[in-house]
């Protein structure tokens, strides 16, 4: 966007398979009122290779966030488990990096949906 604002969403293999929340999220941009152009500002940040592969099939702006540690982020993580917390801290570190690159975003959380939207 002209003001260095990007829209990001974070997903993993559990949430990005065909017919999943990722597809629904992308479709909402396509059918929304004047929202389709925003897709060119949407970066899908993938927590694992399965999510990255699926993302590349449905969207041109995909990024693989490699946080190491040998944790498998393909599967859904229980809220507040060690792996869940590591995933959240990795997301926060990535968001810090985005700010350091002079991009802005607004972070929203829906606790009932595993896909967070950041714009």
PDB file of N, CA and C in Angstrom:
ATOM      1  N   UNK A   1       0.843  -1.176   0.000  1.00  0.00           N
ATOM      2  CA  UNK A   1       0.000   0.000   0.000  1.00  0.00           C
ATOM      3  C   UNK A   1       0.885   1.234   0.000  1.00  0.00           C
ATOM      4  N   UNK A   2       0.326   2.321  -0.366  1.00  0.00           N
ATOM      5  CA  UNK A   2       1.103   3.547  -0.494  1.00  0.00           C
ATOM      6  C   UNK A   2       1.710   4.008   0.828  1.00  0.00           C
ATOM      7  N   UNK A   3       1.088   3.681   1.938  1.00  0.00           N
ATOM      8  CA  UNK A   3       1.590   4.139   3.231  1.00  0.00           C
ATOM      9  C   UNK A   3       2.426   3.081   3.951  1.00  0.00           C
ATOM     10  N   UNK A   4       2.961   2.107   3.204  1.00  0.00           N
ATOM     11  CA  UNK A   4       3.778   1.026   3.762  1.00  0.00           C
ATOM     12  C   UNK A   4       3.012   0.173   4.771  1.00  0.00           C
ATOM     13  N   UNK A   5       1.738   0.010   4.552  1.00  0.00           N
ATOM     14  CA  UNK A   5       0.947  -0.889   5.375  1.00  0.00           C
ATOM     15  C   UNK A   5       0.706  -2.159   4.594  1.00  0.00           C
ATOM     16  N   UNK A   6       0.951  -3.289   5.227  1.00  0.00           N
ATOM     17  CA  UNK A   6       0.687  -4.577   4.592  1.00  0.00           C
ATOM     18  C   UNK A   6      -0.388  -5.300   5.395  1.00  0.00           C
ATOM     19  N   UNK A   7      -1.029  -6.206   4.732  1.00  0.00           N
ATOM     20  CA  UNK A   7      -1.999  -7.078   5.385  1.00  0.00           C
ATOM     21  C   UNK A   7      -1.341  -8.448   5.463  1.00  0.00           C
ATOM     22  N   UNK A   8      -1.300  -9.005   6.653  1.00  0.00           N
ATOM     23  CA  UNK A   8      -0.697 -10.329   6.821  1.00  0.00           C
ATOM     24  C   UNK A   8      -1.659 -11.232   7.559  1.00  0.00           C
ATOM     25  N   UNK A   9      -1.580 -12.498   7.236  1.00  0.00           N
ATOM     26  CA  UNK A   9      -2.262 -13.504   8.017  1.00  0.00           C
ATOM     27  C   UNK A   9      -1.287 -14.652   8.230  1.00  0.00           C
ATOM     28  N   UNK A  10      -1.374 -15.288   9.353  1.00  0.00           N
ATOM     29  CA  UNK A  10      -0.508 -16.411   9.704  1.00  0.00           C
ATOM     30  C   UNK A  10      -1.335 -17.685   9.649  1.00  0.00           C
ATOM     31  N   UNK A  11      -0.754 -18.733   9.066  1.00  0.00           N
ATOM     32  CA  UNK A  11      -1.465 -19.994   8.978  1.00  0.00           C
ATOM     33  C   UNK A  11      -0.482 -21.161   9.068  1.00  0.00           C
ATOM     34  N   UNK A  12      -1.041 -22.334   9.310  1.00  0.00           N
ATOM     35  CA  UNK A  12      -0.228 -23.550   9.303  1.00  0.00           C
ATOM     36  C   UNK A  12      -0.963 -24.600   8.480  1.00  0.00           C
ATOM     37  N   UNK A  13      -0.370 -25.766   8.372  1.00  0.00           N
ATOM     38  CA  UNK A  13      -0.952 -26.816   7.553  1.00  0.00           C
ATOM     39  C   UNK A  13      -2.362 -27.196   7.959  1.00  0.00           C
ATOM     40  N   UNK A  14      -2.645 -27.154   9.250  1.00  0.00           N
ATOM     41  CA  UNK A  14      -3.970 -27.511   9.738  1.00  0.00           C
ATOM     42  C   UNK A  14      -5.038 -26.538   9.265  1.00  0.00           C
ATOM     43  N   UNK A  15      -4.648 -25.315   9.006  1.00  0.00           N
ATOM     44  CA  UNK A  15      -5.621 -24.284   8.641  1.00  0.00           C
ATOM     45  C   UNK A  15      -5.564 -23.881   7.175  1.00  0.00           C
ATOM     46  N   UNK A  16      -4.765 -24.585   6.367  1.00  0.00           N
ATOM     47  CA  UNK A  16      -4.597 -24.152   4.977  1.00  0.00           C
ATOM     48  C   UNK A  16      -4.898 -25.228   3.939  1.00  0.00           C
ATOM     49  N   UNK A  17      -5.411 -26.354   4.350  1.00  0.00           N
ATOM     50  CA  UNK A  17      -5.732 -27.389   3.367  1.00  0.00           C
ATOM     51  C   UNK A  17      -6.892 -26.920   2.490  1.00  0.00           C
ATOM     52  N   UNK A  18      -7.089 -27.537   1.323  1.00  0.00           N
ATOM     53  CA  UNK A  18      -8.177 -27.109   0.437  1.00  0.00           C
ATOM     54  C   UNK A  18      -9.524 -27.095   1.168  1.00  0.00           C
ATOM     55  N   UNK A  19     -10.276 -26.008   0.978  1.00  0.00           N
ATOM     56  CA  UNK A  19     -11.573 -25.857   1.633  1.00  0.00           C
ATOM     57  C   UNK A  19     -11.494 -25.382   3.073  1.00  0.00           C
ATOM     58  N   UNK A  20     -10.317 -24.947   3.495  1.00  0.00           N
ATOM     59  CA  UNK A  20     -10.113 -24.563   4.892  1.00  0.00           C
ATOM     60  C   UNK A  20     -10.327 -23.068   5.104  1.00  0.00           C
ATOM     61  N   UNK A  21      -9.927 -22.606   6.280  1.00  0.00           N
ATOM     62  CA  UNK A  21     -10.048 -21.193   6.619  1.00  0.00           C
ATOM     63  C   UNK A  21      -9.264 -20.292   5.670  1.00  0.00           C
ATOM     64  N   UNK A  22      -8.124 -20.750   5.180  1.00  0.00           N
ATOM     65  CA  UNK A  22      -7.355 -19.929   4.246  1.00  0.00           C
ATOM     66  C   UNK A  22      -8.170 -19.645   2.992  1.00  0.00           C
ATOM     67  N   UNK A  23      -8.806 -20.658   2.444  1.00  0.00           N
ATOM     68  CA  UNK A  23      -9.640 -20.462   1.254  1.00  0.00           C
ATOM     69  C   UNK A  23     -10.793 -19.507   1.550  1.00  0.00           C
ATOM     70  N   UNK A  24     -11.424 -19.672   2.683  1.00  0.00           N
ATOM     71  CA  UNK A  24     -12.521 -18.789   3.073  1.00  0.00           C
ATOM     72  C   UNK A  24     -12.037 -17.353   3.245  1.00  0.00           C
ATOM     73  N   UNK A  25     -10.888 -17.193   3.867  1.00  0.00           N
ATOM     74  CA  UNK A  25     -10.299 -15.866   4.088  1.00  0.00           C
ATOM     75  C   UNK A  25     -10.024 -15.172   2.753  1.00  0.00           C
ATOM     76  N   UNK A  26      -9.386 -15.877   1.820  1.00  0.00           N
ATOM     77  CA  UNK A  26      -9.094 -15.298   0.506  1.00  0.00           C
ATOM     78  C   UNK A  26     -10.373 -14.984  -0.258  1.00  0.00           C
ATOM     79  N   UNK A  27     -11.343 -15.876  -0.173  1.00  0.00           N
ATOM     80  CA  UNK A  27     -12.616 -15.655  -0.855  1.00  0.00           C
ATOM     81  C   UNK A  27     -13.323 -14.412  -0.326  1.00  0.00           C
ATOM     82  N   UNK A  28     -13.191 -14.134   0.960  1.00  0.00           N
ATOM     83  CA  UNK A  28     -13.845 -12.951   1.529  1.00  0.00           C
ATOM     84  C   UNK A  28     -13.312 -11.666   0.895  1.00  0.00           C
ATOM     85  N   UNK A  29     -12.040 -11.648   0.513  1.00  0.00           N
ATOM     86  CA  UNK A  29     -11.489 -10.493  -0.198  1.00  0.00           C
ATOM     87  C   UNK A  29     -12.053 -10.397  -1.611  1.00  0.00           C
ATOM     88  N   UNK A  30     -12.265 -11.549  -2.251  1.00  0.00           N
ATOM     89  CA  UNK A  30     -12.746 -11.555  -3.632  1.00  0.00           C
ATOM     90  C   UNK A  30     -14.206 -11.104  -3.741  1.00  0.00           C
ATOM     91  N   UNK A  31     -15.019 -11.451  -2.761  1.00  0.00           N
ATOM     92  CA  UNK A  31     -16.448 -11.152  -2.852  1.00  0.00           C
ATOM     93  C   UNK A  31     -16.849  -9.908  -2.068  1.00  0.00           C
ATOM     94  N   UNK A  32     -15.959  -9.379  -1.256  1.00  0.00           N
ATOM     95  CA  UNK A  32     -16.279  -8.195  -0.466  1.00  0.00           C
ATOM     96  C   UNK A  32     -16.433  -6.955  -1.331  1.00  0.00           C
ATOM     97  N   UNK A  33     -17.043  -5.936  -0.765  1.00  0.00           N
ATOM     98  CA  UNK A  33     -17.267  -4.682  -1.468  1.00  0.00           C
ATOM     99  C   UNK A  33     -15.955  -3.906  -1.590  1.00  0.00           C
ATOM    100  N   UNK A  34     -15.398  -3.874  -2.800  1.00  0.00           N
ATOM    101  CA  UNK A  34     -14.162  -3.152  -3.117  1.00  0.00           C
ATOM    102  C   UNK A  34     -12.949  -3.667  -2.328  1.00  0.00           C
ATOM    103  N   UNK A  35     -12.942  -4.943  -1.981  1.00  0.00           N
ATOM    104  CA  UNK A  35     -11.817  -5.498  -1.220  1.00  0.00           C
ATOM    105  C   UNK A  35     -10.854  -6.328  -2.064  1.00  0.00           C
ATOM    106  N   UNK A  36     -11.238  -6.701  -3.265  1.00  0.00           N
ATOM    107  CA  UNK A  36     -10.372  -7.553  -4.080  1.00  0.00           C
ATOM    108  C   UNK A  36      -8.997  -6.941  -4.349  1.00  0.00           C
ATOM    109  N   UNK A  37      -8.874  -5.624  -4.598  1.00  0.00           N
ATOM    110  CA  UNK A  37      -7.531  -5.061  -4.808  1.00  0.00           C
ATOM    111  C   UNK A  37      -6.605  -5.213  -3.595  1.00  0.00           C
ATOM    112  N   UNK A  38      -7.176  -5.403  -2.424  1.00  0.00           N
ATOM    113  CA  UNK A  38      -6.352  -5.573  -1.226  1.00  0.00           C
ATOM    114  C   UNK A  38      -5.573  -6.884  -1.233  1.00  0.00           C
ATOM    115  N   UNK A  39      -6.004  -7.845  -2.057  1.00  0.00           N
ATOM    116  CA  UNK A  39      -5.289  -9.116  -2.135  1.00  0.00           C
ATOM    117  C   UNK A  39      -3.834  -8.936  -2.559  1.00  0.00           C
ATOM    118  N   UNK A  40      -3.553  -7.891  -3.328  1.00  0.00           N
ATOM    119  CA  UNK A  40      -2.174  -7.649  -3.761  1.00  0.00           C
ATOM    120  C   UNK A  40      -1.325  -7.054  -2.634  1.00  0.00           C
ATOM    121  N   UNK A  41      -1.912  -6.812  -1.489  1.00  0.00           N
ATOM    122  CA  UNK A  41      -1.187  -6.324  -0.315  1.00  0.00           C
ATOM    123  C   UNK A  41      -1.205  -7.357   0.810  1.00  0.00           C
ATOM    124  N   UNK A  42      -1.833  -8.495   0.547  1.00  0.00           N
ATOM    125  CA  UNK A  42      -1.956  -9.548   1.550  1.00  0.00           C
ATOM    126  C   UNK A  42      -0.796 -10.523   1.449  1.00  0.00           C
ATOM    127  N   UNK A  43      -0.061 -10.668   2.528  1.00  0.00           N
ATOM    128  CA  UNK A  43       1.015 -11.653   2.620  1.00  0.00           C
ATOM    129  C   UNK A  43       0.540 -12.756   3.558  1.00  0.00           C
ATOM    130  N   UNK A  44       0.582 -13.982   3.076  1.00  0.00           N
ATOM    131  CA  UNK A  44       0.222 -15.128   3.907  1.00  0.00           C
ATOM    132  C   UNK A  44       1.520 -15.692   4.478  1.00  0.00           C
ATOM    133  N   UNK A  45       1.667 -15.601   5.789  1.00  0.00           N
ATOM    134  CA  UNK A  45       2.858 -16.099   6.474  1.00  0.00           C
ATOM    135  C   UNK A  45       2.565 -17.521   6.924  1.00  0.00           C
ATOM    136  N   UNK A  46       3.376 -18.458   6.433  1.00  0.00           N
ATOM    137  CA  UNK A  46       3.151 -19.882   6.660  1.00  0.00           C
ATOM    138  C   UNK A  46       4.128 -20.425   7.691  1.00  0.00           C
ATOM    139  N   UNK A  47       3.599 -21.162   8.652  1.00  0.00           N
ATOM    140  CA  UNK A  47       4.400 -21.687   9.746  1.00  0.00           C
ATOM    141  C   UNK A  47       5.041 -23.032   9.424  1.00  0.00           C
ATOM    142  N   UNK A  48       4.695 -23.633   8.292  1.00  0.00           N
ATOM    143  CA  UNK A  48       5.274 -24.922   7.920  1.00  0.00           C
ATOM    144  C   UNK A  48       5.231 -25.087   6.403  1.00  0.00           C
ATOM    145  N   UNK A  49       5.921 -26.099   5.915  1.00  0.00           N
ATOM    146  CA  UNK A  49       6.024 -26.321   4.470  1.00  0.00           C
ATOM    147  C   UNK A  49       4.701 -26.721   3.841  1.00  0.00           C
ATOM    148  N   UNK A  50       3.881 -27.491   4.564  1.00  0.00           N
ATOM    149  CA  UNK A  50       2.578 -27.888   4.036  1.00  0.00           C
ATOM    150  C   UNK A  50       1.731 -26.642   3.753  1.00  0.00           C
ATOM    151  N   UNK A  51       1.720 -25.709   4.685  1.00  0.00           N
ATOM    152  CA  UNK A  51       0.956 -24.470   4.494  1.00  0.00           C
ATOM    153  C   UNK A  51       1.524 -23.663   3.333  1.00  0.00           C
ATOM    154  N   UNK A  52       2.843 -23.599   3.227  1.00  0.00           N
ATOM    155  CA  UNK A  52       3.473 -22.856   2.135  1.00  0.00           C
ATOM    156  C   UNK A  52       3.084 -23.433   0.781  1.00  0.00           C
ATOM    157  N   UNK A  53       3.132 -24.752   0.648  1.00  0.00           N
ATOM    158  CA  UNK A  53       2.767 -25.401  -0.615  1.00  0.00           C
ATOM    159  C   UNK A  53       1.327 -25.074  -0.997  1.00  0.00           C
ATOM    160  N   UNK A  54       0.416 -25.155  -0.021  1.00  0.00           N
ATOM    161  CA  UNK A  54      -0.983 -24.856  -0.304  1.00  0.00           C
ATOM    162  C   UNK A  54      -1.162 -23.382  -0.635  1.00  0.00           C
ATOM    163  N   UNK A  55      -0.474 -22.511   0.083  1.00  0.00           N
ATOM    164  CA  UNK A  55      -0.576 -21.078  -0.162  1.00  0.00           C
ATOM    165  C   UNK A  55      -0.182 -20.748  -1.593  1.00  0.00           C
ATOM    166  N   UNK A  56       0.909 -21.324  -2.053  1.00  0.00           N
ATOM    167  CA  UNK A  56       1.387 -21.046  -3.414  1.00  0.00           C
ATOM    168  C   UNK A  56       0.380 -21.471  -4.475  1.00  0.00           C
ATOM    169  N   UNK A  57      -0.489 -22.413  -4.142  1.00  0.00           N
ATOM    170  CA  UNK A  57      -1.517 -22.849  -5.080  1.00  0.00           C
ATOM    171  C   UNK A  57      -2.658 -21.836  -5.203  1.00  0.00           C
ATOM    172  N   UNK A  58      -2.859 -21.019  -4.156  1.00  0.00           N
ATOM    173  CA  UNK A  58      -4.043 -20.161  -4.142  1.00  0.00           C
ATOM    174  C   UNK A  58      -3.745 -18.670  -4.038  1.00  0.00           C
ATOM    175  N   UNK A  59      -2.481 -18.283  -3.810  1.00  0.00           N
ATOM    176  CA  UNK A  59      -2.171 -16.861  -3.613  1.00  0.00           C
ATOM    177  C   UNK A  59      -0.708 -16.590  -4.012  1.00  0.00           C
ATOM    178  N   UNK A  60      -0.437 -15.434  -4.609  1.00  0.00           N
ATOM    179  CA  UNK A  60       0.933 -15.170  -5.076  1.00  0.00           C
ATOM    180  C   UNK A  60       1.914 -14.685  -3.999  1.00  0.00           C
ATOM    181  N   UNK A  61       1.429 -14.194  -2.875  1.00  0.00           N
ATOM    182  CA  UNK A  61       2.321 -13.601  -1.872  1.00  0.00           C
ATOM    183  C   UNK A  61       2.368 -14.470  -0.625  1.00  0.00           C
ATOM    184  N   UNK A  62       3.264 -15.450  -0.640  1.00  0.00           N
ATOM    185  CA  UNK A  62       3.406 -16.412   0.453  1.00  0.00           C
ATOM    186  C   UNK A  62       4.811 -16.325   1.027  1.00  0.00           C
ATOM    187  N   UNK A  63       4.912 -16.429   2.340  1.00  0.00           N
ATOM    188  CA  UNK A  63       6.209 -16.370   3.007  1.00  0.00           C
ATOM    189  C   UNK A  63       6.276 -17.493   4.028  1.00  0.00           C
ATOM    190  N   UNK A  64       7.382 -18.216   4.045  1.00  0.00           N
ATOM    191  CA  UNK A  64       7.588 -19.307   5.004  1.00  0.00           C
ATOM    192  C   UNK A  64       8.373 -18.771   6.178  1.00  0.00           C
ATOM    193  N   UNK A  65       7.771 -18.756   7.355  1.00  0.00           N
ATOM    194  CA  UNK A  65       8.442 -18.319   8.576  1.00  0.00           C
ATOM    195  C   UNK A  65       9.081 -19.536   9.225  1.00  0.00           C
ATOM    196  N   UNK A  66      10.392 -19.618   9.141  1.00  0.00           N
ATOM    197  CA  UNK A  66      11.125 -20.739   9.715  1.00  0.00           C
ATOM    198  C   UNK A  66      11.620 -20.337  11.095  1.00  0.00           C
ATOM    199  N   UNK A  67      11.083 -20.981  12.121  1.00  0.00           N
ATOM    200  CA  UNK A  67      11.490 -20.613  13.478  1.00  0.00           C
ATOM    201  C   UNK A  67      12.394 -21.646  14.122  1.00  0.00           C
ATOM    202  N   UNK A  68      12.655 -22.741  13.419  1.00  0.00           N
ATOM    203  CA  UNK A  68      13.587 -23.744  13.924  1.00  0.00           C
ATOM    204  C   UNK A  68      13.058 -24.456  15.154  1.00  0.00           C
ATOM    205  N   UNK A  69      13.951 -25.075  15.886  1.00  0.00           N
ATOM    206  CA  UNK A  69      13.581 -25.758  17.113  1.00  0.00           C
ATOM    207  C   UNK A  69      12.986 -27.138  16.925  1.00  0.00           C
ATOM    208  N   UNK A  70      12.834 -27.578  15.688  1.00  0.00           N
ATOM    209  CA  UNK A  70      12.324 -28.923  15.440  1.00  0.00           C
ATOM    210  C   UNK A  70      10.852 -29.115  15.767  1.00  0.00           C
ATOM    211  N   UNK A  71      10.107 -28.035  15.951  1.00  0.00           N
ATOM    212  CA  UNK A  71       8.687 -28.151  16.270  1.00  0.00           C
ATOM    213  C   UNK A  71       7.899 -28.274  14.979  1.00  0.00           C
ATOM    214  N   UNK A  72       6.966 -29.215  14.944  1.00  0.00           N
ATOM    215  CA  UNK A  72       6.127 -29.425  13.773  1.00  0.00           C
ATOM    216  C   UNK A  72       4.888 -28.544  13.899  1.00  0.00           C
ATOM    217  N   UNK A  73       4.808 -27.499  13.083  1.00  0.00           N
ATOM    218  CA  UNK A  73       3.672 -26.589  13.137  1.00  0.00           C
ATOM    219  C   UNK A  73       2.593 -26.945  12.125  1.00  0.00           C
ATOM    220  N   UNK A  74       2.712 -28.107  11.473  1.00  0.00           N
ATOM    221  CA  UNK A  74       1.715 -28.521  10.501  1.00  0.00           C
ATOM    222  C   UNK A  74       0.373 -28.780  11.175  1.00  0.00           C
ATOM    223  N   UNK A  75       0.416 -29.317  12.382  1.00  0.00           N
ATOM    224  CA  UNK A  75      -0.805 -29.652  13.106  1.00  0.00           C
ATOM    225  C   UNK A  75      -1.218 -28.519  14.031  1.00  0.00           C
ATOM    226  N   UNK A  76      -2.501 -28.490  14.346  1.00  0.00           N
ATOM    227  CA  UNK A  76      -3.024 -27.503  15.285  1.00  0.00           C
ATOM    228  C   UNK A  76      -2.388 -27.720  16.651  1.00  0.00           C
ATOM    229  N   UNK A  77      -2.082 -26.631  17.352  1.00  0.00           N
ATOM    230  CA  UNK A  77      -1.468 -26.704  18.677  1.00  0.00           C
ATOM    231  C   UNK A  77      -2.487 -26.322  19.748  1.00  0.00           C
ATOM    232  N   UNK A  78      -2.459 -27.062  20.852  1.00  0.00           N
ATOM    233  CA  UNK A  78      -3.363 -26.751  21.966  1.00  0.00           C
ATOM    234  C   UNK A  78      -3.032 -25.395  22.546  1.00  0.00           C
ATOM    235  N   UNK A  79      -4.055 -24.624  22.835  1.00  0.00           N
ATOM    236  CA  UNK A  79      -3.903 -23.294  23.412  1.00  0.00           C
ATOM    237  C   UNK A  79      -3.042 -23.364  24.669  1.00  0.00           C
ATOM    238  N   UNK A  80      -2.034 -22.511  24.717  1.00  0.00           N
ATOM    239  CA  UNK A  80      -1.115 -22.341  25.840  1.00  0.00           C
ATOM    240  C   UNK A  80      -0.143 -23.510  26.041  1.00  0.00           C
ATOM    241  N   UNK A  81      -0.100 -24.459  25.105  1.00  0.00           N
ATOM    242  CA  UNK A  81       0.914 -25.519  25.192  1.00  0.00           C
ATOM    243  C   UNK A  81       2.270 -24.903  24.854  1.00  0.00           C
ATOM    244  N   UNK A  82       3.351 -25.618  25.124  1.00  0.00           N
ATOM    245  CA  UNK A  82       4.689 -25.109  24.844  1.00  0.00           C
ATOM    246  C   UNK A  82       4.858 -24.770  23.361  1.00  0.00           C
ATOM    247  N   UNK A  83       4.396 -25.667  22.488  1.00  0.00           N
ATOM    248  CA  UNK A  83       4.515 -25.420  21.044  1.00  0.00           C
ATOM    249  C   UNK A  83       3.661 -24.229  20.603  1.00  0.00           C
ATOM    250  N   UNK A  84       2.476 -24.100  21.177  1.00  0.00           N
ATOM    251  CA  UNK A  84       1.609 -22.958  20.851  1.00  0.00           C
ATOM    252  C   UNK A  84       2.291 -21.654  21.240  1.00  0.00           C
ATOM    253  N   UNK A  85       2.849 -21.618  22.432  1.00  0.00           N
ATOM    254  CA  UNK A  85       3.524 -20.399  22.890  1.00  0.00           C
ATOM    255  C   UNK A  85       4.737 -20.075  22.024  1.00  0.00           C
ATOM    256  N   UNK A  86       5.476 -21.084  21.613  1.00  0.00           N
ATOM    257  CA  UNK A  86       6.626 -20.854  20.724  1.00  0.00           C
ATOM    258  C   UNK A  86       6.169 -20.280  19.392  1.00  0.00           C
ATOM    259  N   UNK A  87       5.041 -20.790  18.889  1.00  0.00           N
ATOM    260  CA  UNK A  87       4.499 -20.274  17.640  1.00  0.00           C
ATOM    261  C   UNK A  87       4.089 -18.805  17.806  1.00  0.00           C
ATOM    262  N   UNK A  88       3.466 -18.469  18.922  1.00  0.00           N
ATOM    263  CA  UNK A  88       3.043 -17.080  19.164  1.00  0.00           C
ATOM    264  C   UNK A  88       4.252 -16.147  19.310  1.00  0.00           C
ATOM    265  N   UNK A  89       5.296 -16.601  20.031  1.00  0.00           N
ATOM    266  CA  UNK A  89       6.494 -15.761  20.177  1.00  0.00           C
ATOM    267  C   UNK A  89       7.200 -15.572  18.844  1.00  0.00           C
ATOM    268  N   UNK A  90       7.214 -16.602  18.009  1.00  0.00           N
ATOM    269  CA  UNK A  90       7.811 -16.475  16.668  1.00  0.00           C
ATOM    270  C   UNK A  90       7.033 -15.457  15.847  1.00  0.00           C
ATOM    271  N   UNK A  91       5.726 -15.504  15.948  1.00  0.00           N
ATOM    272  CA  UNK A  91       4.889 -14.532  15.245  1.00  0.00           C
ATOM    273  C   UNK A  91       5.197 -13.121  15.732  1.00  0.00           C
ATOM    274  N   UNK A  92       5.320 -12.952  17.041  1.00  0.00           N
ATOM    275  CA  UNK A  92       5.623 -11.622  17.592  1.00  0.00           C
ATOM    276  C   UNK A  92       6.995 -11.116  17.140  1.00  0.00           C
ATOM    277  N   UNK A  93       7.981 -12.000  17.088  1.00  0.00           N
ATOM    278  CA  UNK A  93       9.309 -11.591  16.607  1.00  0.00           C
ATOM    279  C   UNK A  93       9.242 -11.180  15.137  1.00  0.00           C
ATOM    280  N   UNK A  94       8.462 -11.903  14.362  1.00  0.00           N
ATOM    281  CA  UNK A  94       8.306 -11.563  12.955  1.00  0.00           C
ATOM    282  C   UNK A  94       7.619 -10.205  12.803  1.00  0.00           C
ATOM    283  N   UNK A  95       6.612  -9.958  13.585  1.00  0.00           N
ATOM    284  CA  UNK A  95       5.924  -8.666  13.538  1.00  0.00           C
ATOM    285  C   UNK A  95       6.876  -7.535  13.899  1.00  0.00           C
ATOM    286  N   UNK A  96       7.743  -7.752  14.859  1.00  0.00           N
ATOM    287  CA  UNK A  96       8.754  -6.758  15.220  1.00  0.00           C
ATOM    288  C   UNK A  96       9.652  -6.476  14.026  1.00  0.00           C
ATOM    289  N   UNK A  97      10.051  -7.526  13.333  1.00  0.00           N
ATOM    290  CA  UNK A  97      10.896  -7.364  12.147  1.00  0.00           C
ATOM    291  C   UNK A  97      10.184  -6.551  11.061  1.00  0.00           C
ATOM    292  N   UNK A  98       8.902  -6.794  10.868  1.00  0.00           N
ATOM    293  CA  UNK A  98       8.125  -6.035   9.881  1.00  0.00           C
ATOM    294  C   UNK A  98       8.135  -4.549  10.245  1.00  0.00           C
ATOM    295  N   UNK A  99       7.964  -4.237  11.517  1.00  0.00           N
ATOM    296  CA  UNK A  99       8.013  -2.842  11.963  1.00  0.00           C
ATOM    297  C   UNK A  99       9.397  -2.238  11.734  1.00  0.00           C
ATOM    298  N   UNK A 100      10.440  -3.019  11.977  1.00  0.00           N
ATOM    299  CA  UNK A 100      11.810  -2.535  11.755  1.00  0.00           C
ATOM    300  C   UNK A 100      12.067  -2.218  10.288  1.00  0.00           C
ATOM    301  N   UNK A 101      11.332  -2.848   9.385  1.00  0.00           N
ATOM    302  CA  UNK A 101      11.452  -2.588   7.952  1.00  0.00           C
ATOM    303  C   UNK A 101      10.604  -1.394   7.511  1.00  0.00           C
ATOM    304  N   UNK A 102      10.041  -0.689   8.463  1.00  0.00           N
ATOM    305  CA  UNK A 102       9.220   0.519   8.235  1.00  0.00           C
ATOM    306  C   UNK A 102       7.858   0.234   7.622  1.00  0.00           C
ATOM    307  N   UNK A 103       7.344  -0.968   7.852  1.00  0.00           N
ATOM    308  CA  UNK A 103       5.974  -1.283   7.456  1.00  0.00           C
ATOM    309  C   UNK A 103       5.101  -1.194   8.698  1.00  0.00           C
ATOM    310  N   UNK A 104       3.843  -0.916   8.493  1.00  0.00           N
ATOM    311  CA  UNK A 104       2.897  -0.850   9.594  1.00  0.00           C
ATOM    312  C   UNK A 104       1.836  -1.919   9.461  1.00  0.00           C
ATOM    313  N   UNK A 105       1.205  -2.231  10.584  1.00  0.00           N
ATOM    314  CA  UNK A 105       0.090  -3.172  10.568  1.00  0.00           C
ATOM    315  C   UNK A 105      -0.778  -2.945  11.794  1.00  0.00           C
ATOM    316  N   UNK A 106      -2.019  -3.391  11.688  1.00  0.00           N
ATOM    317  CA  UNK A 106      -2.947  -3.427  12.808  1.00  0.00           C
ATOM    318  C   UNK A 106      -3.198  -4.898  13.082  1.00  0.00           C
ATOM    319  N   UNK A 107      -3.112  -5.288  14.329  1.00  0.00           N
ATOM    320  CA  UNK A 107      -3.241  -6.689  14.687  1.00  0.00           C
ATOM    321  C   UNK A 107      -4.593  -6.928  15.340  1.00  0.00           C
ATOM    322  N   UNK A 108      -5.341  -7.858  14.794  1.00  0.00           N
ATOM    323  CA  UNK A 108      -6.622  -8.225  15.390  1.00  0.00           C
ATOM    324  C   UNK A 108      -6.609  -9.710  15.678  1.00  0.00           C
ATOM    325  N   UNK A 109      -7.288 -10.113  16.727  1.00  0.00           N
ATOM    326  CA  UNK A 109      -7.327 -11.522  17.117  1.00  0.00           C
ATOM    327  C   UNK A 109      -8.778 -11.935  17.313  1.00  0.00           C
ATOM    328  N   UNK A 110      -9.132 -13.054  16.733  1.00  0.00           N
ATOM    329  CA  UNK A 110     -10.424 -13.673  16.961  1.00  0.00           C
ATOM    330  C   UNK A 110     -10.132 -15.010  17.611  1.00  0.00           C
ATOM    331  N   UNK A 111     -10.459 -15.175  18.874  1.00  0.00           N
ATOM    332  CA  UNK A 111     -10.098 -16.393  19.600  1.00  0.00           C
ATOM    333  C   UNK A 111     -10.871 -17.616  19.131  1.00  0.00           C
ATOM    334  N   UNK A 112     -11.927 -17.434  18.336  1.00  0.00           N
ATOM    335  CA  UNK A 112     -12.685 -18.573  17.843  1.00  0.00           C
ATOM    336  C   UNK A 112     -12.193 -19.065  16.495  1.00  0.00           C
ATOM    337  N   UNK A 113     -11.342 -18.268  15.850  1.00  0.00           N
ATOM    338  CA  UNK A 113     -10.815 -18.640  14.544  1.00  0.00           C
ATOM    339  C   UNK A 113      -9.286 -18.632  14.630  1.00  0.00           C
ATOM    340  N   UNK A 114      -8.672 -19.667  14.134  1.00  0.00           N
ATOM    341  CA  UNK A 114      -7.228 -19.817  14.290  1.00  0.00           C
ATOM    342  C   UNK A 114      -6.430 -18.934  13.358  1.00  0.00           C
ATOM    343  N   UNK A 115      -7.068 -18.241  12.447  1.00  0.00           N
ATOM    344  CA  UNK A 115      -6.345 -17.394  11.524  1.00  0.00           C
ATOM    345  C   UNK A 115      -6.452 -15.948  12.003  1.00  0.00           C
ATOM    346  N   UNK A 116      -5.339 -15.346  12.324  1.00  0.00           N
ATOM    347  CA  UNK A 116      -5.293 -13.959  12.771  1.00  0.00           C
ATOM    348  C   UNK A 116      -5.083 -13.062  11.563  1.00  0.00           C
ATOM    349  N   UNK A 117      -5.771 -11.965  11.519  1.00  0.00           N
ATOM    350  CA  UNK A 117      -5.591 -11.020  10.425  1.00  0.00           C
ATOM    351  C   UNK A 117      -4.825  -9.827  10.941  1.00  0.00           C
ATOM    352  N   UNK A 118      -3.850  -9.417  10.194  1.00  0.00           N
ATOM    353  CA  UNK A 118      -3.042  -8.266  10.546  1.00  0.00           C
ATOM    354  C   UNK A 118      -3.070  -7.324   9.356  1.00  0.00           C
ATOM    355  N   UNK A 119      -3.386  -6.075   9.599  1.00  0.00           N
ATOM    356  CA  UNK A 119      -3.377  -5.137   8.480  1.00  0.00           C
ATOM    357  C   UNK A 119      -2.800  -3.811   8.915  1.00  0.00           C
TER     358      UNK A 119
END
